[in-house]
Amino acid sequence: MAIEVFKSTTKVTEGMRIECSSRNHKIIMDEPKPLGGSDTGMNPVEALLCSLGACQCIVAKCFAKAKGIDLQDFWIELEGDLDPDGFLGKNKDAKIGFQSIRSKIHIKSTSSKEDIEKFIQFIEATCPVYDSITSAPSMSSEIVVEK
């Protein structure tokens, strides 16, 4: 199968409120008030955690039957440690992004613990967002100056 290109656009609307769009869908992102925003949406690092959890849930739903897993319910709690002083320039030694991400995977199933553990390993090995976080893709930027 050929490479498929996914696209999104992000635009500042007011303050730190950002409108994100892809295809015909929109998400509003913002920063919490203590970080200078108006708290009208989750911030980008919270959205990254949500993207990771959503992707893993989709992989679980797509492959459970094929992997012989009785998937009655599935959800993931995620949390990440981030020092805002890195982003804010207050501490030049602080990592700018997440220092660590932890997940608590909940599964309701009659499948054996061993089969579930193998299934979770499969999910992590198959999830595109997990792969993008743990094995960073190449990045490039083109600057377009609007006048």
N, C-alpha and C. Protein backbone atom coordinates (compact mmCIF):
# COMPACT_ATOMS: atom_id res chain seq x y z
N MET A 1 0.85 -1.18 0.00
CA MET A 1 0.00 0.00 0.00
C MET A 1 0.89 1.24 0.00
N ALA A 2 0.47 2.25 -0.69
CA ALA A 2 1.22 3.50 -0.79
C ALA A 2 1.10 4.31 0.50
N ILE A 3 2.04 5.21 0.71
CA ILE A 3 2.00 6.12 1.85
C ILE A 3 0.76 7.00 1.73
N GLU A 4 0.04 7.16 2.83
CA GLU A 4 -1.11 8.06 2.86
C GLU A 4 -0.69 9.31 3.63
N VAL A 5 -1.01 10.46 3.11
CA VAL A 5 -0.65 11.73 3.74
C VAL A 5 -1.85 12.23 4.55
N PHE A 6 -1.63 12.49 5.82
CA PHE A 6 -2.64 13.07 6.68
C PHE A 6 -2.29 14.54 6.85
N LYS A 7 -3.31 15.40 6.88
CA LYS A 7 -3.07 16.84 6.94
C LYS A 7 -3.87 17.48 8.06
N SER A 8 -3.33 18.54 8.60
CA SER A 8 -4.06 19.36 9.57
C SER A 8 -3.61 20.80 9.43
N THR A 9 -4.42 21.70 9.94
CA THR A 9 -4.10 23.12 9.97
C THR A 9 -4.37 23.62 11.38
N THR A 10 -3.45 24.40 11.91
CA THR A 10 -3.65 25.03 13.22
C THR A 10 -3.51 26.53 13.06
N LYS A 11 -4.38 27.27 13.73
CA LYS A 11 -4.39 28.73 13.56
C LYS A 11 -4.72 29.39 14.89
N VAL A 12 -3.95 30.42 15.24
CA VAL A 12 -4.24 31.23 16.43
C VAL A 12 -5.53 32.00 16.16
N THR A 13 -6.47 31.95 17.12
CA THR A 13 -7.71 32.71 16.94
C THR A 13 -7.73 33.94 17.84
N GLU A 14 -7.48 33.76 19.13
CA GLU A 14 -7.37 34.88 20.06
C GLU A 14 -6.64 34.42 21.31
N GLY A 15 -5.81 35.29 21.86
CA GLY A 15 -5.02 34.89 23.01
C GLY A 15 -4.19 33.65 22.66
N MET A 16 -4.30 32.63 23.48
CA MET A 16 -3.61 31.37 23.18
C MET A 16 -4.58 30.31 22.67
N ARG A 17 -5.77 30.73 22.32
CA ARG A 17 -6.78 29.81 21.78
C ARG A 17 -6.41 29.47 20.34
N ILE A 18 -6.35 28.18 20.07
CA ILE A 18 -5.92 27.69 18.75
C ILE A 18 -7.03 26.84 18.15
N GLU A 19 -7.32 27.06 16.88
CA GLU A 19 -8.29 26.22 16.17
C GLU A 19 -7.52 25.24 15.31
N CYS A 20 -7.77 23.98 15.54
CA CYS A 20 -7.11 22.91 14.79
C CYS A 20 -8.16 22.25 13.89
N SER A 21 -7.79 21.99 12.65
CA SER A 21 -8.75 21.33 11.76
C SER A 21 -8.05 20.28 10.91
N SER A 22 -8.81 19.25 10.62
CA SER A 22 -8.37 18.19 9.73
C SER A 22 -9.61 17.61 9.08
N ARG A 23 -9.56 17.48 7.77
CA ARG A 23 -10.74 17.09 7.00
C ARG A 23 -11.87 18.05 7.37
N ASN A 24 -13.01 17.57 7.84
CA ASN A 24 -14.12 18.46 8.21
C ASN A 24 -14.32 18.53 9.72
N HIS A 25 -13.24 18.30 10.49
CA HIS A 25 -13.34 18.25 11.94
C HIS A 25 -12.49 19.35 12.56
N LYS A 26 -12.96 19.87 13.71
CA LYS A 26 -12.24 20.94 14.40
C LYS A 26 -12.07 20.60 15.88
N ILE A 27 -10.95 21.02 16.43
CA ILE A 27 -10.67 20.93 17.85
C ILE A 27 -10.16 22.30 18.29
N ILE A 28 -10.63 22.77 19.43
CA ILE A 28 -10.12 24.01 20.01
C ILE A 28 -9.11 23.63 21.09
N MET A 29 -7.94 24.21 21.04
CA MET A 29 -6.93 24.02 22.07
C MET A 29 -6.61 25.37 22.69
N ASP A 30 -6.17 25.31 23.92
CA ASP A 30 -5.85 26.52 24.68
C ASP A 30 -4.92 26.09 25.81
N GLU A 31 -4.44 27.03 26.54
CA GLU A 31 -3.64 26.74 27.73
C GLU A 31 -4.49 27.02 28.96
N PRO A 32 -4.19 26.34 30.06
CA PRO A 32 -4.89 26.68 31.31
C PRO A 32 -4.52 28.10 31.74
N LYS A 33 -5.36 28.70 32.54
CA LYS A 33 -5.13 30.09 32.98
C LYS A 33 -3.77 30.29 33.63
N PRO A 34 -3.30 29.35 34.49
CA PRO A 34 -1.97 29.57 35.09
C PRO A 34 -0.83 29.63 34.08
N LEU A 35 -1.05 29.11 32.86
CA LEU A 35 -0.02 29.17 31.83
C LEU A 35 -0.33 30.23 30.77
N GLY A 36 -1.24 31.16 31.09
CA GLY A 36 -1.49 32.30 30.22
C GLY A 36 -2.65 32.16 29.25
N GLY A 37 -3.36 31.06 29.28
CA GLY A 37 -4.49 30.87 28.38
C GLY A 37 -5.80 31.24 29.03
N SER A 38 -6.90 30.94 28.32
CA SER A 38 -8.24 31.20 28.86
C SER A 38 -8.97 29.90 29.17
N ASP A 39 -8.30 28.77 29.03
CA ASP A 39 -8.81 27.46 29.41
C ASP A 39 -10.09 27.07 28.66
N THR A 40 -10.13 27.38 27.35
CA THR A 40 -11.31 27.02 26.55
C THR A 40 -11.16 25.66 25.87
N GLY A 41 -10.04 25.01 26.08
CA GLY A 41 -9.82 23.68 25.51
C GLY A 41 -8.59 23.07 26.14
N MET A 42 -8.37 21.80 25.84
CA MET A 42 -7.16 21.16 26.35
C MET A 42 -5.95 21.76 25.66
N ASN A 43 -4.79 21.63 26.31
CA ASN A 43 -3.59 22.16 25.66
C ASN A 43 -2.95 21.08 24.78
N PRO A 44 -1.99 21.44 23.96
CA PRO A 44 -1.44 20.47 23.01
C PRO A 44 -0.83 19.22 23.65
N VAL A 45 -0.20 19.34 24.81
CA VAL A 45 0.37 18.13 25.41
C VAL A 45 -0.72 17.23 25.97
N GLU A 46 -1.81 17.81 26.44
CA GLU A 46 -2.96 16.99 26.86
C GLU A 46 -3.56 16.31 25.63
N ALA A 47 -3.63 17.03 24.52
CA ALA A 47 -4.15 16.44 23.28
C ALA A 47 -3.24 15.31 22.79
N LEU A 48 -1.93 15.44 22.99
CA LEU A 48 -1.01 14.37 22.62
C LEU A 48 -1.31 13.11 23.44
N LEU A 49 -1.53 13.28 24.75
CA LEU A 49 -1.90 12.13 25.58
C LEU A 49 -3.22 11.52 25.09
N CYS A 50 -4.19 12.37 24.77
CA CYS A 50 -5.47 11.87 24.25
C CYS A 50 -5.28 11.14 22.93
N SER A 51 -4.43 11.67 22.05
CA SER A 51 -4.17 11.01 20.77
C SER A 51 -3.56 9.63 20.97
N LEU A 52 -2.63 9.53 21.91
CA LEU A 52 -2.01 8.25 22.19
C LEU A 52 -3.05 7.26 22.71
N GLY A 53 -3.85 7.67 23.68
CA GLY A 53 -4.88 6.79 24.23
C GLY A 53 -5.92 6.41 23.20
N ALA A 54 -6.34 7.38 22.40
CA ALA A 54 -7.35 7.10 21.37
C ALA A 54 -6.83 6.10 20.35
N CYS A 55 -5.59 6.28 19.94
CA CYS A 55 -5.00 5.39 18.94
C CYS A 55 -4.89 3.96 19.50
N GLN A 56 -4.47 3.83 20.74
CA GLN A 56 -4.37 2.51 21.33
C GLN A 56 -5.74 1.86 21.48
N CYS A 57 -6.75 2.65 21.83
CA CYS A 57 -8.12 2.12 21.93
C CYS A 57 -8.62 1.64 20.56
N ILE A 58 -8.31 2.40 19.52
CA ILE A 58 -8.72 2.01 18.17
C ILE A 58 -8.03 0.72 17.74
N VAL A 59 -6.73 0.61 18.03
CA VAL A 59 -6.00 -0.62 17.70
C VAL A 59 -6.62 -1.80 18.44
N ALA A 60 -6.92 -1.60 19.72
CA ALA A 60 -7.54 -2.68 20.51
C ALA A 60 -8.86 -3.11 19.90
N LYS A 61 -9.69 -2.15 19.56
CA LYS A 61 -11.01 -2.45 18.99
C LYS A 61 -10.88 -3.13 17.63
N CYS A 62 -9.94 -2.67 16.81
CA CYS A 62 -9.77 -3.24 15.46
C CYS A 62 -9.27 -4.68 15.47
N PHE A 63 -8.40 -5.02 16.44
CA PHE A 63 -7.70 -6.29 16.37
C PHE A 63 -8.09 -7.31 17.44
N ALA A 64 -8.92 -6.95 18.39
CA ALA A 64 -9.25 -7.86 19.49
C ALA A 64 -9.80 -9.20 18.97
N LYS A 65 -10.77 -9.15 18.12
CA LYS A 65 -11.40 -10.37 17.63
C LYS A 65 -10.39 -11.24 16.88
N ALA A 66 -9.61 -10.62 16.01
CA ALA A 66 -8.62 -11.37 15.23
C ALA A 66 -7.56 -12.00 16.13
N LYS A 67 -7.28 -11.37 17.27
CA LYS A 67 -6.28 -11.88 18.20
C LYS A 67 -6.90 -12.80 19.25
N GLY A 68 -8.19 -13.07 19.13
CA GLY A 68 -8.86 -13.97 20.06
C GLY A 68 -9.09 -13.40 21.44
N ILE A 69 -9.19 -12.08 21.54
CA ILE A 69 -9.40 -11.42 22.83
C ILE A 69 -10.87 -11.05 22.98
N ASP A 70 -11.45 -11.45 24.09
CA ASP A 70 -12.82 -11.07 24.44
C ASP A 70 -12.76 -9.65 25.02
N LEU A 71 -12.97 -8.67 24.18
CA LEU A 71 -12.85 -7.26 24.58
C LEU A 71 -14.24 -6.73 24.91
N GLN A 72 -14.57 -6.71 26.19
CA GLN A 72 -15.88 -6.22 26.63
C GLN A 72 -15.84 -4.72 26.90
N ASP A 73 -14.71 -4.24 27.39
CA ASP A 73 -14.54 -2.80 27.63
C ASP A 73 -13.04 -2.52 27.66
N PHE A 74 -12.67 -1.30 27.26
CA PHE A 74 -11.26 -0.95 27.17
C PHE A 74 -11.11 0.55 27.30
N TRP A 75 -10.26 1.00 28.22
CA TRP A 75 -9.96 2.42 28.34
C TRP A 75 -8.58 2.59 28.94
N ILE A 76 -8.01 3.75 28.69
CA ILE A 76 -6.64 4.02 29.12
C ILE A 76 -6.60 5.37 29.84
N GLU A 77 -5.95 5.38 30.98
CA GLU A 77 -5.65 6.62 31.69
C GLU A 77 -4.19 6.93 31.41
N LEU A 78 -3.90 8.15 31.00
CA LEU A 78 -2.53 8.56 30.69
C LEU A 78 -2.15 9.79 31.49
N GLU A 79 -0.91 9.85 31.88
CA GLU A 79 -0.38 11.06 32.50
C GLU A 79 1.06 11.23 32.08
N GLY A 80 1.46 12.47 31.95
CA GLY A 80 2.82 12.77 31.53
C GLY A 80 3.43 13.83 32.43
N ASP A 81 4.72 13.71 32.66
CA ASP A 81 5.45 14.68 33.47
C ASP A 81 6.15 15.68 32.57
N LEU A 82 5.86 16.95 32.77
CA LEU A 82 6.43 18.01 31.95
C LEU A 82 6.76 19.20 32.86
N ASP A 83 7.93 19.74 32.73
CA ASP A 83 8.33 20.92 33.50
C ASP A 83 8.10 22.16 32.64
N PRO A 84 7.05 22.96 32.91
CA PRO A 84 6.77 24.14 32.11
C PRO A 84 7.92 25.15 32.06
N ASP A 85 8.82 25.08 33.04
CA ASP A 85 9.94 26.02 33.04
C ASP A 85 10.85 25.83 31.82
N GLY A 86 10.88 24.63 31.26
CA GLY A 86 11.66 24.41 30.03
C GLY A 86 11.08 25.18 28.87
N PHE A 87 9.78 25.05 28.64
CA PHE A 87 9.08 25.75 27.57
C PHE A 87 9.11 27.26 27.78
N LEU A 88 8.96 27.68 29.03
CA LEU A 88 8.90 29.12 29.33
C LEU A 88 10.28 29.77 29.38
N GLY A 89 11.35 28.99 29.22
CA GLY A 89 12.70 29.54 29.21
C GLY A 89 13.23 29.90 30.59
N LYS A 90 12.57 29.45 31.63
CA LYS A 90 13.00 29.76 32.99
C LYS A 90 14.11 28.84 33.48
N ASN A 91 14.23 27.67 32.86
CA ASN A 91 15.25 26.70 33.25
C ASN A 91 15.83 26.08 31.98
N LYS A 92 17.03 26.53 31.60
CA LYS A 92 17.62 26.05 30.34
C LYS A 92 17.97 24.56 30.38
N ASP A 93 18.02 23.98 31.56
CA ASP A 93 18.34 22.56 31.69
C ASP A 93 17.11 21.66 31.69
N ALA A 94 15.92 22.26 31.79
CA ALA A 94 14.69 21.46 31.84
C ALA A 94 14.33 20.98 30.43
N LYS A 95 13.93 19.72 30.34
CA LYS A 95 13.44 19.17 29.06
C LYS A 95 12.17 19.92 28.67
N ILE A 96 12.04 20.26 27.42
CA ILE A 96 10.89 21.04 26.96
C ILE A 96 9.63 20.19 26.86
N GLY A 97 9.77 18.97 26.40
CA GLY A 97 8.62 18.07 26.26
C GLY A 97 8.46 17.17 27.46
N PHE A 98 7.62 16.16 27.30
CA PHE A 98 7.40 15.21 28.38
C PHE A 98 8.70 14.52 28.78
N GLN A 99 8.90 14.40 30.07
CA GLN A 99 10.03 13.63 30.59
C GLN A 99 9.65 12.16 30.67
N SER A 100 8.39 11.89 30.96
CA SER A 100 7.90 10.51 31.00
C SER A 100 6.39 10.52 30.78
N ILE A 101 5.90 9.41 30.25
CA ILE A 101 4.47 9.20 30.05
C ILE A 101 4.14 7.84 30.66
N ARG A 102 3.09 7.82 31.46
CA ARG A 102 2.63 6.58 32.08
C ARG A 102 1.20 6.29 31.66
N SER A 103 0.91 5.04 31.44
CA SER A 103 -0.46 4.66 31.10
C SER A 103 -0.94 3.56 32.04
N LYS A 104 -2.22 3.62 32.32
CA LYS A 104 -2.90 2.58 33.08
C LYS A 104 -3.99 2.05 32.14
N ILE A 105 -3.78 0.82 31.67
CA ILE A 105 -4.67 0.23 30.68
C ILE A 105 -5.70 -0.63 31.39
N HIS A 106 -6.96 -0.31 31.17
CA HIS A 106 -8.06 -1.06 31.77
C HIS A 106 -8.71 -1.91 30.69
N ILE A 107 -8.89 -3.17 30.99
CA ILE A 107 -9.55 -4.05 30.03
C ILE A 107 -10.51 -4.96 30.78
N LYS A 108 -11.72 -5.04 30.30
CA LYS A 108 -12.70 -5.98 30.83
C LYS A 108 -12.76 -7.12 29.82
N SER A 109 -12.40 -8.32 30.30
CA SER A 109 -12.28 -9.45 29.38
C SER A 109 -12.28 -10.76 30.16
N THR A 110 -12.74 -11.80 29.51
CA THR A 110 -12.65 -13.14 30.08
C THR A 110 -11.40 -13.86 29.58
N SER A 111 -10.63 -13.20 28.72
CA SER A 111 -9.40 -13.80 28.19
C SER A 111 -8.37 -13.94 29.32
N SER A 112 -7.42 -14.86 29.13
CA SER A 112 -6.40 -15.10 30.16
C SER A 112 -5.49 -13.88 30.30
N LYS A 113 -4.89 -13.74 31.50
CA LYS A 113 -3.97 -12.63 31.75
C LYS A 113 -2.80 -12.68 30.76
N GLU A 114 -2.31 -13.87 30.47
CA GLU A 114 -1.20 -14.03 29.52
C GLU A 114 -1.59 -13.55 28.13
N ASP A 115 -2.79 -13.92 27.68
CA ASP A 115 -3.25 -13.47 26.36
C ASP A 115 -3.45 -11.95 26.34
N ILE A 116 -3.96 -11.40 27.43
CA ILE A 116 -4.16 -9.94 27.50
C ILE A 116 -2.81 -9.23 27.47
N GLU A 117 -1.82 -9.74 28.21
CA GLU A 117 -0.50 -9.11 28.21
C GLU A 117 0.12 -9.13 26.81
N LYS A 118 -0.03 -10.24 26.09
CA LYS A 118 0.46 -10.32 24.71
C LYS A 118 -0.29 -9.34 23.81
N PHE A 119 -1.59 -9.20 24.04
CA PHE A 119 -2.41 -8.29 23.26
C PHE A 119 -1.98 -6.84 23.49
N ILE A 120 -1.69 -6.47 24.74
CA ILE A 120 -1.23 -5.11 25.04
C ILE A 120 0.12 -4.85 24.37
N GLN A 121 1.01 -5.83 24.36
CA GLN A 121 2.29 -5.69 23.65
C GLN A 121 2.04 -5.48 22.15
N PHE A 122 1.08 -6.20 21.60
CA PHE A 122 0.71 -6.03 20.19
C PHE A 122 0.19 -4.62 19.94
N ILE A 123 -0.69 -4.14 20.83
CA ILE A 123 -1.25 -2.79 20.68
C ILE A 123 -0.13 -1.76 20.64
N GLU A 124 0.80 -1.85 21.58
CA GLU A 124 1.90 -0.87 21.62
C GLU A 124 2.79 -0.98 20.39
N ALA A 125 2.98 -2.18 19.87
CA ALA A 125 3.82 -2.37 18.68
C ALA A 125 3.11 -1.95 17.40
N THR A 126 1.78 -1.82 17.44
CA THR A 126 0.99 -1.55 16.23
C THR A 126 0.44 -0.13 16.18
N CYS A 127 0.42 0.57 17.29
CA CYS A 127 -0.19 1.90 17.38
C CYS A 127 0.70 2.96 16.71
N PRO A 128 0.21 3.63 15.65
CA PRO A 128 1.00 4.65 14.97
C PRO A 128 1.42 5.83 15.87
N VAL A 129 0.56 6.24 16.79
CA VAL A 129 0.92 7.37 17.66
C VAL A 129 2.00 6.93 18.65
N TYR A 130 1.88 5.74 19.20
CA TYR A 130 2.91 5.21 20.10
C TYR A 130 4.25 5.17 19.37
N ASP A 131 4.24 4.67 18.14
CA ASP A 131 5.46 4.60 17.35
C ASP A 131 6.02 6.00 17.07
N SER A 132 5.15 6.95 16.77
CA SER A 132 5.60 8.31 16.47
C SER A 132 6.23 8.98 17.69
N ILE A 133 5.77 8.63 18.88
CA ILE A 133 6.34 9.20 20.11
C ILE A 133 7.65 8.51 20.47
N THR A 134 7.68 7.19 20.37
CA THR A 134 8.86 6.44 20.82
C THR A 134 9.96 6.38 19.77
N SER A 135 9.62 6.56 18.50
CA SER A 135 10.60 6.58 17.40
C SER A 135 10.28 7.80 16.55
N ALA A 136 10.80 8.93 16.95
CA ALA A 136 10.42 10.20 16.33
C ALA A 136 10.59 10.19 14.81
N PRO A 137 9.58 10.68 14.09
CA PRO A 137 9.69 10.79 12.64
C PRO A 137 10.63 11.92 12.25
N SER A 138 11.08 11.91 11.01
CA SER A 138 11.86 13.05 10.54
C SER A 138 10.92 14.26 10.47
N MET A 139 11.45 15.42 10.70
CA MET A 139 10.65 16.64 10.70
C MET A 139 11.29 17.65 9.76
N SER A 140 10.43 18.42 9.12
CA SER A 140 10.93 19.52 8.30
C SER A 140 9.90 20.64 8.34
N SER A 141 10.35 21.85 8.10
CA SER A 141 9.46 23.01 8.10
C SER A 141 9.77 23.87 6.88
N GLU A 142 8.72 24.41 6.31
CA GLU A 142 8.84 25.39 5.23
C GLU A 142 8.25 26.68 5.76
N ILE A 143 8.95 27.77 5.62
CA ILE A 143 8.46 29.06 6.13
C ILE A 143 7.84 29.84 4.99
N VAL A 144 6.58 30.27 5.18
CA VAL A 144 5.89 31.09 4.21
C VAL A 144 5.57 32.41 4.89
N VAL A 145 6.19 33.48 4.45
CA VAL A 145 5.96 34.80 5.05
C VAL A 145 4.81 35.46 4.31
N GLU A 146 3.74 35.74 5.05
CA GLU A 146 2.56 36.40 4.48
C GLU A 146 2.71 37.90 4.68
N LYS A 147 2.42 38.68 3.69
CA LYS A 147 2.51 40.15 3.79
C LYS A 147 1.15 40.76 3.65
